Amino acid sequence: MVGGAHPWRDGYEFGGCDVYNPWSVLMYMDRLLNSSRKMPESFWANTSGNDIIYRYVKEANPLMREEFDVLASGGMIEKPIKDDLTYREMDQINNVYSFLLYTGYLKVVSCVNEEEKDTV
């Protein structure tokens, strides 16, 4: 990505390719061309609520809170991921990591069990 934005925002990864939100890319390019402010910034900040995330944290058991701390500090954890998660199931605490992955809060670093493709 142009202007050093890649380290700042790594986008999503699909099939080994980095994919960026088109709106954010266009806003960043417009900023580079038409403004003295050249640093990347979050163009989507505060555009939606994080109520479900707050509820997950509130309802988390001690182990899950510890895992959240690891993730928040930039660490990695190994968790099973439900491939066929439905909207109804997203609201269940036992699907928290699948929900966080599919909504872009987490990303897969490696698959532990590629045959079943359900553990990342």
Protein backbone atom coordinates (compact mmCIF):
# COMPACT_ATOMS: atom_id res chain seq x y z
CA MET A 1 0.00 0.00 0.00
CA VAL A 2 1.14 3.55 -0.75
CA GLY A 3 2.91 5.82 1.68
CA GLY A 4 3.73 3.34 4.39
CA ALA A 5 0.11 2.58 5.26
CA HIS A 6 0.65 -1.19 5.08
CA PRO A 7 2.40 -1.47 8.47
CA TRP A 8 -0.23 0.83 9.96
CA ARG A 9 -3.26 -1.12 8.70
CA ASP A 10 -2.79 -4.64 7.41
CA GLY A 11 -6.30 -5.12 5.98
CA TYR A 12 -7.77 -8.57 5.54
CA GLU A 13 -6.12 -11.64 4.12
CA PHE A 14 -7.88 -13.85 1.57
CA GLY A 15 -6.03 -16.75 -0.03
CA GLY A 16 -2.68 -15.32 0.98
CA CYS A 17 -3.43 -11.88 -0.54
CA ASP A 18 -3.85 -8.69 1.46
CA VAL A 19 -7.19 -7.01 0.72
CA TYR A 20 -7.97 -3.48 1.86
CA ASN A 21 -11.26 -1.74 2.39
CA PRO A 22 -11.83 0.29 -0.82
CA TRP A 23 -13.33 3.26 1.03
CA SER A 24 -10.34 3.51 3.35
CA VAL A 25 -7.91 3.26 0.41
CA LEU A 26 -9.73 6.00 -1.52
CA MET A 27 -9.88 8.26 1.52
CA TYR A 28 -6.19 7.72 2.18
CA MET A 29 -5.25 8.43 -1.45
CA ASP A 30 -7.40 11.57 -1.42
CA ARG A 31 -5.64 12.69 1.75
CA LEU A 32 -2.22 12.07 0.16
CA LEU A 33 -3.11 14.07 -2.94
CA ASN A 34 -5.15 16.91 -1.45
CA SER A 35 -4.02 17.55 2.09
CA SER A 36 -0.95 18.41 4.08
CA ARG A 37 -1.91 15.60 6.49
CA LYS A 38 -0.17 12.54 5.04
CA MET A 39 -0.38 10.09 7.94
CA PRO A 40 -2.81 7.15 7.71
CA GLU A 41 -5.80 7.25 10.00
CA SER A 42 -8.90 5.24 10.73
CA PHE A 43 -11.68 6.35 8.40
CA TRP A 44 -14.19 3.92 9.93
CA ALA A 45 -13.62 4.72 13.60
CA ASN A 46 -16.82 5.27 15.56
CA THR A 47 -19.07 4.21 12.68
CA SER A 48 -20.62 1.31 14.59
CA GLY A 49 -21.05 0.07 18.10
CA ASN A 50 -19.06 -2.62 19.80
CA ASP A 51 -21.82 -3.70 22.16
CA ILE A 52 -21.42 -7.39 21.41
CA ILE A 53 -17.67 -7.18 22.09
CA TYR A 54 -18.31 -5.50 25.43
CA ARG A 55 -20.80 -8.24 26.27
CA TYR A 56 -18.30 -10.95 25.35
CA VAL A 57 -15.74 -9.37 27.68
CA LYS A 58 -18.32 -8.98 30.46
CA GLU A 59 -19.50 -12.60 30.16
CA ALA A 60 -16.02 -14.08 29.72
CA ASN A 61 -14.78 -16.66 32.17
CA PRO A 62 -11.31 -16.17 33.73
CA LEU A 63 -9.53 -18.20 31.01
CA MET A 64 -11.20 -16.22 28.24
CA ARG A 65 -10.29 -12.93 29.94
CA GLU A 66 -6.69 -14.10 30.08
CA GLU A 67 -6.85 -14.96 26.36
CA PHE A 68 -8.34 -11.53 25.59
CA ASP A 69 -5.40 -9.96 27.46
CA VAL A 70 -2.96 -12.00 25.35
CA LEU A 71 -4.67 -10.85 22.14
CA ALA A 72 -4.91 -7.23 23.27
CA SER A 73 -1.17 -7.20 23.93
CA GLY A 74 -0.44 -8.47 20.40
CA GLY A 75 -0.03 -12.12 21.28
CA MET A 76 -1.48 -15.20 19.62
CA ILE A 77 -3.75 -17.98 20.82
CA GLU A 78 -4.85 -21.26 19.27
CA LYS A 79 -8.61 -21.78 19.02
CA PRO A 80 -11.07 -23.92 17.07
CA ILE A 81 -13.06 -21.92 14.52
CA LYS A 82 -16.60 -22.78 13.48
CA ASP A 83 -16.74 -22.56 9.67
CA ASP A 84 -20.52 -22.50 9.41
CA LEU A 85 -21.33 -19.84 12.00
CA THR A 86 -24.82 -18.37 11.63
CA TYR A 87 -26.03 -14.96 12.76
CA ARG A 88 -27.95 -16.54 15.65
CA GLU A 89 -24.82 -18.35 16.81
CA MET A 90 -22.69 -15.20 16.75
CA ASP A 91 -24.46 -14.07 19.87
CA GLN A 92 -23.32 -17.12 21.87
CA ILE A 93 -20.25 -16.75 24.07
CA ASN A 94 -18.82 -20.12 22.98
CA ASN A 95 -18.51 -18.77 19.41
CA VAL A 96 -16.63 -15.62 20.40
CA TYR A 97 -13.40 -16.40 18.54
CA SER A 98 -15.19 -17.40 15.34
CA PHE A 99 -17.21 -14.19 15.54
CA LEU A 100 -14.10 -12.08 16.14
CA LEU A 101 -12.32 -13.74 13.21
CA TYR A 102 -15.20 -13.35 10.76
CA THR A 103 -15.82 -9.73 11.69
CA GLY A 104 -12.19 -8.73 11.23
CA TYR A 105 -11.10 -8.31 14.84
CA LEU A 106 -8.77 -11.32 14.58
CA LYS A 107 -6.87 -12.91 11.74
CA VAL A 108 -5.59 -16.41 11.07
CA VAL A 109 -1.85 -16.73 11.48
CA SER A 110 -1.67 -20.44 10.69
CA CYS A 111 -3.88 -23.51 10.53
CA VAL A 112 -2.98 -26.19 13.02
CA ASN A 113 -5.21 -28.88 11.54
CA GLU A 114 -5.53 -28.20 7.81
CA GLU A 115 -7.40 -31.44 7.04
CA GLU A 116 -10.36 -30.41 9.15
CA LYS A 117 -9.70 -26.66 8.72
CA ASP A 118 -11.34 -25.87 12.02
CA THR A 119 -8.43 -24.94 14.25
CA VAL A 120 -6.41 -21.76 13.84
